C-alpha atoms as a PDB file:
ATOM      1  CA  MET A   1      -3.745 -13.422  -8.105  1.00  0.00           C
ATOM      2  CA  LEU A   2      -1.986 -10.550  -9.584  1.00  0.00           C
ATOM      3  CA  HIS A   3      -4.007  -8.852 -12.166  1.00  0.00           C
ATOM      4  CA  GLY A   4      -1.200  -7.250 -14.224  1.00  0.00           C
ATOM      5  CA  HIS A   5       0.302  -3.768 -15.190  1.00  0.00           C
ATOM      6  CA  LEU A   6      -1.467  -0.680 -14.644  1.00  0.00           C
ATOM      7  CA  ASP A   7       0.813   1.687 -16.670  1.00  0.00           C
ATOM      8  CA  GLU A   8      -1.863   2.701 -19.251  1.00  0.00           C
ATOM      9  CA  ASN A   9      -3.725   4.451 -16.806  1.00  0.00           C
ATOM     10  CA  PHE A  10      -0.890   6.673 -15.706  1.00  0.00           C
ATOM     11  CA  GLU A  11      -0.681  10.317 -16.392  1.00  0.00           C
ATOM     12  CA  ARG A  12       2.716  11.979 -15.795  1.00  0.00           C
ATOM     13  CA  LEU A  13       2.271  15.729 -14.640  1.00  0.00           C
ATOM     14  CA  GLU A  14       4.559  18.185 -16.289  1.00  0.00           C
ATOM     15  CA  THR A  15       7.252  18.576 -13.698  1.00  0.00           C
ATOM     16  CA  THR A  16       8.924  21.443 -15.430  1.00  0.00           C
ATOM     17  CA  VAL A  17       5.686  23.493 -14.936  1.00  0.00           C
ATOM     18  CA  ARG A  18       5.369  22.113 -11.210  1.00  0.00           C
ATOM     19  CA  ARG A  19       8.895  23.078 -10.366  1.00  0.00           C
ATOM     20  CA  GLN A  20       8.006  26.729 -10.768  1.00  0.00           C
ATOM     21  CA  HIS A  21       5.581  26.544  -7.777  1.00  0.00           C
ATOM     22  CA  LEU A  22       7.314  27.395  -4.371  1.00  0.00           C
ATOM     23  CA  TRP A  23       6.046  27.102  -0.932  1.00  0.00           C
ATOM     24  CA  LYS A  24       7.419  28.892   2.123  1.00  0.00           C
ATOM     25  CA  ALA A  25       8.729  26.323   4.784  1.00  0.00           C
ATOM     26  CA  LEU A  26       7.372  26.823   8.375  1.00  0.00           C
ATOM     27  CA  ILE A  27       9.972  25.165  10.843  1.00  0.00           C
ATOM     28  CA  ILE A  28       9.587  25.533  14.507  1.00  0.00           C
ATOM     29  CA  VAL A  29      12.933  25.737  16.317  1.00  0.00           C
ATOM     30  CA  PRO A  30      14.265  27.073  19.678  1.00  0.00           C
ATOM     31  CA  ALA A  31      14.909  30.819  19.325  1.00  0.00           C
ATOM     32  CA  SER A  32      18.478  30.308  20.332  1.00  0.00           C
ATOM     33  CA  LEU A  33      18.995  28.080  17.322  1.00  0.00           C
ATOM     34  CA  ALA A  34      17.098  30.236  14.929  1.00  0.00           C
ATOM     35  CA  SER A  35      19.141  31.872  12.060  1.00  0.00           C
ATOM     36  CA  PRO A  36      18.763  32.341   8.400  1.00  0.00           C
ATOM     37  CA  GLU A  37      21.499  29.688   7.743  1.00  0.00           C
ATOM     38  CA  SER A  38      19.709  27.029  10.160  1.00  0.00           C
ATOM     39  CA  PHE A  39      16.979  25.956   7.854  1.00  0.00           C
ATOM     40  CA  PRO A  40      15.973  26.184   4.029  1.00  0.00           C
ATOM     41  CA  GLN A  41      13.960  29.356   3.022  1.00  0.00           C
ATOM     42  CA  GLU A  42      11.907  27.501   0.330  1.00  0.00           C
ATOM     43  CA  LEU A  43      10.608  24.104  -0.487  1.00  0.00           C
ATOM     44  CA  ARG A  44      10.614  23.087  -4.132  1.00  0.00           C
ATOM     45  CA  GLU A  45       8.279  20.354  -5.584  1.00  0.00           C
ATOM     46  CA  GLU A  46      10.575  17.894  -7.282  1.00  0.00           C
ATOM     47  CA  TRP A  47       7.873  15.733  -8.988  1.00  0.00           C
ATOM     48  CA  ALA A  48       4.231  14.669  -9.042  1.00  0.00           C
ATOM     49  CA  VAL A  49       2.402  11.905 -10.598  1.00  0.00           C
ATOM     50  CA  ARG A  50      -1.277  10.874 -10.933  1.00  0.00           C
ATOM     51  CA  TYR A  51      -3.151   7.467 -11.342  1.00  0.00           C
ATOM     52  CA  ASN A  52      -6.658   8.124 -12.755  1.00  0.00           C
ATOM     53  CA  GLY A  53      -7.942   4.861 -11.450  1.00  0.00           C
ATOM     54  CA  PRO A  54      -9.656   1.835 -13.216  1.00  0.00           C
ATOM     55  CA  VAL A  55     -12.150   2.525 -15.948  1.00  0.00           C
ATOM     56  CA  GLN A  56     -15.482   3.435 -14.333  1.00  0.00           C
ATOM     57  CA  GLY A  57     -13.942   3.181 -10.791  1.00  0.00           C
ATOM     58  CA  HIS A  58     -11.996   5.000  -8.235  1.00  0.00           C
ATOM     59  CA  ALA A  59      -8.452   4.791  -6.686  1.00  0.00           C
ATOM     60  CA  HIS A  60      -7.696   5.462  -2.924  1.00  0.00           C
ATOM     61  CA  ALA A  61      -4.100   5.718  -2.004  1.00  0.00           C
ATOM     62  CA  LYS A  62      -3.644   4.182   1.710  1.00  0.00           C
ATOM     63  CA  ALA A  63       0.235   3.859   2.490  1.00  0.00           C
ATOM     64  CA  ILE A  64       3.684   4.893   1.355  1.00  0.00           C
ATOM     65  CA  SER A  65       7.160   3.752   2.017  1.00  0.00           C
ATOM     66  CA  VAL A  66      10.539   4.512   0.819  1.00  0.00           C
ATOM     67  CA  ASP A  67      13.278   1.894   0.391  1.00  0.00           C
ATOM     68  CA  LEU A  68      16.994   2.196   1.021  1.00  0.00           C
ATOM     69  CA  SER A  69      17.753   3.219  -2.382  1.00  0.00           C
ATOM     70  CA  GLY A  70      15.171   5.930  -2.586  1.00  0.00           C
ATOM     71  CA  GLU A  71      12.502   4.303  -4.584  1.00  0.00           C
ATOM     72  CA  VAL A  72       8.990   4.995  -3.524  1.00  0.00           C
ATOM     73  CA  VAL A  73       6.256   2.391  -2.959  1.00  0.00           C
ATOM     74  CA  VAL A  74       2.702   3.500  -2.983  1.00  0.00           C
ATOM     75  CA  VAL A  75      -0.290   1.159  -2.171  1.00  0.00           C
ATOM     76  CA  GLY A  76      -4.132   1.539  -2.259  1.00  0.00           C
ATOM     77  CA  ASP A  77      -7.560   0.330  -3.185  1.00  0.00           C
ATOM     78  CA  LEU A  78      -8.977   0.131  -6.855  1.00  0.00           C
ATOM     79  CA  ASP A  79     -12.660   0.032  -6.664  1.00  0.00           C
ATOM     80  CA  THR A  80     -15.006  -0.650  -9.634  1.00  0.00           C
ATOM     81  CA  LEU A  81     -18.729   0.180 -10.065  1.00  0.00           C
ATOM     82  CA  ASP A  82     -19.496  -3.607  -9.689  1.00  0.00           C
ATOM     83  CA  SER A  83     -18.520  -3.364  -6.020  1.00  0.00           C
ATOM     84  CA  ASN A  84     -15.397  -5.523  -6.542  1.00  0.00           C
ATOM     85  CA  SER A  85     -12.044  -4.148  -5.627  1.00  0.00           C
ATOM     86  CA  THR A  86      -8.226  -4.948  -5.769  1.00  0.00           C
ATOM     87  CA  PHE A  87      -5.198  -3.621  -4.220  1.00  0.00           C
ATOM     88  CA  GLY A  88      -2.987  -1.401  -6.465  1.00  0.00           C
ATOM     89  CA  VAL A  89       0.823  -1.309  -5.844  1.00  0.00           C
ATOM     90  CA  PHE A  90       2.979   1.146  -7.606  1.00  0.00           C
ATOM     91  CA  LYS A  91       6.776   1.674  -7.416  1.00  0.00           C
ATOM     92  CA  TYR A  92       8.518   4.885  -8.498  1.00  0.00           C
ATOM     93  CA  ARG A  93      12.295   5.652  -9.079  1.00  0.00           C
ATOM     94  CA  SER A  94      13.663   8.556  -6.889  1.00  0.00           C
ATOM     95  CA  ASP A  95      12.973  10.959  -9.714  1.00  0.00           C
ATOM     96  CA  GLY A  96       9.306  10.115 -10.096  1.00  0.00           C
ATOM     97  CA  SER A  97       9.272   7.912 -13.005  1.00  0.00           C
ATOM     98  CA  LEU A  98       7.258   4.620 -12.812  1.00  0.00           C
ATOM     99  CA  LEU A  99       9.200   1.456 -12.268  1.00  0.00           C
ATOM    100  CA  TRP A 100       6.237  -0.951 -12.326  1.00  0.00           C
ATOM    101  CA  SER A 101       2.681  -1.248 -11.134  1.00  0.00           C
ATOM    102  CA  GLU A 102       0.588  -4.393 -10.174  1.00  0.00           C
ATOM    103  CA  SER A 103      -2.778  -5.133  -8.851  1.00  0.00           C
ATOM    104  CA  TYR A 104      -3.816  -7.931  -6.598  1.00  0.00           C
ATOM    105  CA  GLY A 105      -7.413  -9.306  -5.960  1.00  0.00           C
ATOM    106  CA  GLU A 106      -9.324 -12.431  -5.242  1.00  0.00           C
ATOM    107  CA  SER A 107     -10.507 -14.330  -8.365  1.00  0.00           C
ATOM    108  CA  GLY A 108     -13.971 -14.707  -6.936  1.00  0.00           C
ATOM    109  CA  GLY A 109     -14.279 -10.947  -6.457  1.00  0.00           C
ATOM    110  CA  GLY A 110     -15.128  -9.232  -3.143  1.00  0.00           C
ATOM    111  CA  LYS A 111     -14.868  -5.705  -1.461  1.00  0.00           C
ATOM    112  CA  GLY A 112     -11.336  -5.142  -0.380  1.00  0.00           C
ATOM    113  CA  ARG A 113      -9.799  -2.640   1.996  1.00  0.00           C
ATOM    114  CA  LEU A 114      -5.978  -2.244   2.073  1.00  0.00           C
ATOM    115  CA  VAL A 115      -4.765  -1.157   5.471  1.00  0.00           C
ATOM    116  CA  ALA A 116      -1.033  -1.462   5.831  1.00  0.00           C
ATOM    117  CA  LEU A 117       2.283  -1.681   3.994  1.00  0.00           C
ATOM    118  CA  ALA A 118       5.832  -2.575   5.143  1.00  0.00           C
ATOM    119  CA  LEU A 119       9.209  -3.311   3.449  1.00  0.00           C
ATOM    120  CA  ASP A 120      11.650  -5.769   4.838  1.00  0.00           C
ATOM    121  CA  GLY A 121      15.543  -5.396   4.974  1.00  0.00           C
ATOM    122  CA  THR A 122      15.938  -6.487   1.300  1.00  0.00           C
ATOM    123  CA  GLY A 123      13.127  -4.332  -0.253  1.00  0.00           C
ATOM    124  CA  ASN A 124      10.533  -6.901  -0.487  1.00  0.00           C
ATOM    125  CA  ILE A 125       6.987  -5.424  -0.185  1.00  0.00           C
ATOM    126  CA  LEU A 126       4.310  -6.627   2.237  1.00  0.00           C
ATOM    127  CA  LEU A 127       0.764  -5.438   2.382  1.00  0.00           C
ATOM    128  CA  THR A 128      -2.366  -6.498   4.177  1.00  0.00           C
ATOM    129  CA  GLY A 129      -5.780  -5.808   4.266  1.00  0.00           C
ATOM    130  CA  ASP A 130      -9.275  -7.489   4.455  1.00  0.00           C
ATOM    131  CA  ILE A 131     -11.752  -8.800   1.939  1.00  0.00           C
ATOM    132  CA  THR A 132     -15.525  -9.096   2.239  1.00  0.00           C
ATOM    133  CA  ASN A 133     -17.085 -11.943   0.371  1.00  0.00           C
ATOM    134  CA  LEU A 134     -20.099 -10.575  -1.568  1.00  0.00           C
ATOM    135  CA  SER A 135     -21.201 -13.743  -3.119  1.00  0.00           C
ATOM    136  CA  ALA A 136     -24.907 -14.423  -2.824  1.00  0.00           C
ATOM    137  CA  PHE A 137     -24.169 -18.118  -2.643  1.00  0.00           C
ATOM    138  CA  ASP A 138     -21.703 -18.130   0.403  1.00  0.00           C
ATOM    139  CA  PRO A 139     -22.095 -16.769   4.003  1.00  0.00           C
ATOM    140  CA  LEU A 140     -21.115 -13.154   4.440  1.00  0.00           C
ATOM    141  CA  SER A 141     -17.635 -12.980   5.896  1.00  0.00           C
ATOM    142  CA  THR A 142     -14.484 -10.847   5.961  1.00  0.00           C
ATOM    143  CA  ASP A 143     -10.937 -12.323   6.007  1.00  0.00           C
ATOM    144  CA  ILE A 144      -7.392 -10.991   6.324  1.00  0.00           C
ATOM    145  CA  ILE A 145      -5.300 -10.922   3.293  1.00  0.00           C
ATOM    146  CA  THR A 146      -1.491 -10.570   3.205  1.00  0.00           C
ATOM    147  CA  VAL A 147       0.737 -10.383   0.144  1.00  0.00           C
ATOM    148  CA  LYS A 148       4.436 -10.397  -0.329  1.00  0.00           C
ATOM    149  CA  LEU A 149       6.077  -9.084  -3.433  1.00  0.00           C
ATOM    150  CA  ASP A 150       9.689  -8.825  -4.289  1.00  0.00           C
ATOM    151  CA  PRO A 151      11.289  -5.614  -5.143  1.00  0.00           C
ATOM    152  CA  GLY A 152      10.510  -6.057  -8.772  1.00  0.00           C
ATOM    153  CA  GLY A 153       6.725  -6.546  -8.134  1.00  0.00           C
ATOM    154  CA  ARG A 154       6.515 -10.276  -8.589  1.00  0.00           C
ATOM    155  CA  SER A 155       4.263 -12.075  -6.270  1.00  0.00           C
ATOM    156  CA  GLN A 156       5.972 -14.254  -3.537  1.00  0.00           C
ATOM    157  CA  TRP A 157       3.085 -15.569  -1.809  1.00  0.00           C
ATOM    158  CA  ALA A 158      -0.473 -14.473  -0.605  1.00  0.00           C
ATOM    159  CA  THR A 159      -2.427 -15.812   2.258  1.00  0.00           C
ATOM    160  CA  ARG A 160      -5.879 -15.700   3.673  1.00  0.00           C
ATOM    161  CA  PHE A 161      -6.581 -15.736   7.362  1.00  0.00           C
ATOM    162  CA  GLY A 162     -10.165 -16.191   8.782  1.00  0.00           C
ATOM    163  CA  GLY A 163     -13.008 -18.532   9.354  1.00  0.00           C
ATOM    164  CA  PRO A 164     -15.784 -19.549   7.094  1.00  0.00           C
ATOM    165  CA  ASP A 165     -18.392 -17.301   8.717  1.00  0.00           C
ATOM    166  CA  GLY A 166     -16.518 -14.705  10.841  1.00  0.00           C
ATOM    167  CA  PHE A 167     -15.386 -11.201  10.549  1.00  0.00           C
ATOM    168  CA  ASP A 168     -11.537 -10.876  10.796  1.00  0.00           C
ATOM    169  CA  THR A 169     -10.233  -7.518  10.022  1.00  0.00           C
ATOM    170  CA  VAL A 170      -6.634  -6.064  10.183  1.00  0.00           C
ATOM    171  CA  SER A 171      -5.433  -2.888  11.780  1.00  0.00           C
ATOM    172  CA  ALA A 172      -1.494  -3.039  11.561  1.00  0.00           C
ATOM    173  CA  LEU A 173       1.555  -4.644  10.018  1.00  0.00           C
ATOM    174  CA  ALA A 174       5.135  -4.846  11.149  1.00  0.00           C
ATOM    175  CA  VAL A 175       8.183  -6.805   9.805  1.00  0.00           C
ATOM    176  CA  GLU A 176      10.939  -8.315  11.999  1.00  0.00           C
ATOM    177  CA  LEU A 177      14.533  -8.025  11.066  1.00  0.00           C
ATOM    178  CA  GLU A 178      14.358 -11.658  10.136  1.00  0.00           C
ATOM    179  CA  GLY A 179      11.641 -10.989   7.591  1.00  0.00           C
ATOM    180  CA  ASN A 180       8.746 -12.449   9.583  1.00  0.00           C
ATOM    181  CA  ALA A 181       5.462 -10.357   9.150  1.00  0.00           C
ATOM    182  CA  ILE A 182       3.236  -9.833  12.185  1.00  0.00           C
ATOM    183  CA  ILE A 183      -0.361  -8.867  11.614  1.00  0.00           C
ATOM    184  CA  ALA A 184      -2.694  -7.243  14.151  1.00  0.00           C
ATOM    185  CA  GLY A 185      -6.448  -7.047  13.877  1.00  0.00           C
ATOM    186  CA  SER A 186      -9.614  -8.271  15.481  1.00  0.00           C
ATOM    187  CA  THR A 187     -12.005 -11.213  15.005  1.00  0.00           C
ATOM    188  CA  ASN A 188     -15.770 -10.753  15.241  1.00  0.00           C
ATOM    189  CA  GLY A 189     -15.249  -7.128  16.338  1.00  0.00           C
ATOM    190  CA  SER A 190     -14.638  -8.163  19.913  1.00  0.00           C
ATOM    191  CA  GLN A 191     -11.260  -9.751  20.429  1.00  0.00           C
ATOM    192  CA  TYR A 192      -7.663  -8.842  19.404  1.00  0.00           C
ATOM    193  CA  ILE A 193      -5.973 -11.190  17.091  1.00  0.00           C
ATOM    194  CA  THR A 194      -2.132 -11.153  16.153  1.00  0.00           C
ATOM    195  CA  VAL A 195      -0.908 -13.374  13.376  1.00  0.00           C
ATOM    196  CA  LYS A 196       2.669 -14.158  12.561  1.00  0.00           C
ATOM    197  CA  TYR A 197       4.119 -15.482   9.197  1.00  0.00           C
ATOM    198  CA  ASP A 198       7.720 -16.553   8.308  1.00  0.00           C
ATOM    199  CA  PRO A 199       9.314 -15.167   5.124  1.00  0.00           C
ATOM    200  CA  ARG A 200       7.682 -17.873   3.028  1.00  0.00           C
ATOM    201  CA  GLY A 201       4.189 -17.142   4.213  1.00  0.00           C
ATOM    202  CA  ASN A 202       3.994 -19.957   6.630  1.00  0.00           C
ATOM    203  CA  LEU A 203       1.994 -19.454   9.681  1.00  0.00           C
ATOM    204  CA  ILE A 204       4.117 -19.565  12.892  1.00  0.00           C
END
């Protein structure tokens, strides 16, 4: 389920100060092509933003992607001291201002690990990871979680793949031109597994 907006934990850095910092560019090109006009002399930081993480917890960025309009999507893990974790999704305009932020986690809790992010041709956001069940009343198991959001951050679907007592983990995610999502991972640490979903989240 989506847990809601994370805007209150954001801290915008002062970009007017940041813009004053310059870094020299190191660009390796063939000597025959090297000339003062062939590459920029300086790189300028355009903007920087920081997310402080949940209260009494930690945030770890895992992946980043840019859509066709130049908007930036960043995803990662949000861990709390009670060992539960959620996936955080943040989308920025091309100038660095926050468009929206959402989080996703299982209602029963668990230890999550976000692995991969991909955008389809219309800007929908797909992310995948795995969640380990930490309940004392259920067998210890790890399942693959895949979530699809529309460009505005609204949940389209979420699906969980795995057996009741297995260890299914994900390694990579790809999206076809038709919008199908393909997940690669392993089951019980010894076998490859490949899972494919159609644009509506149905297993193909």
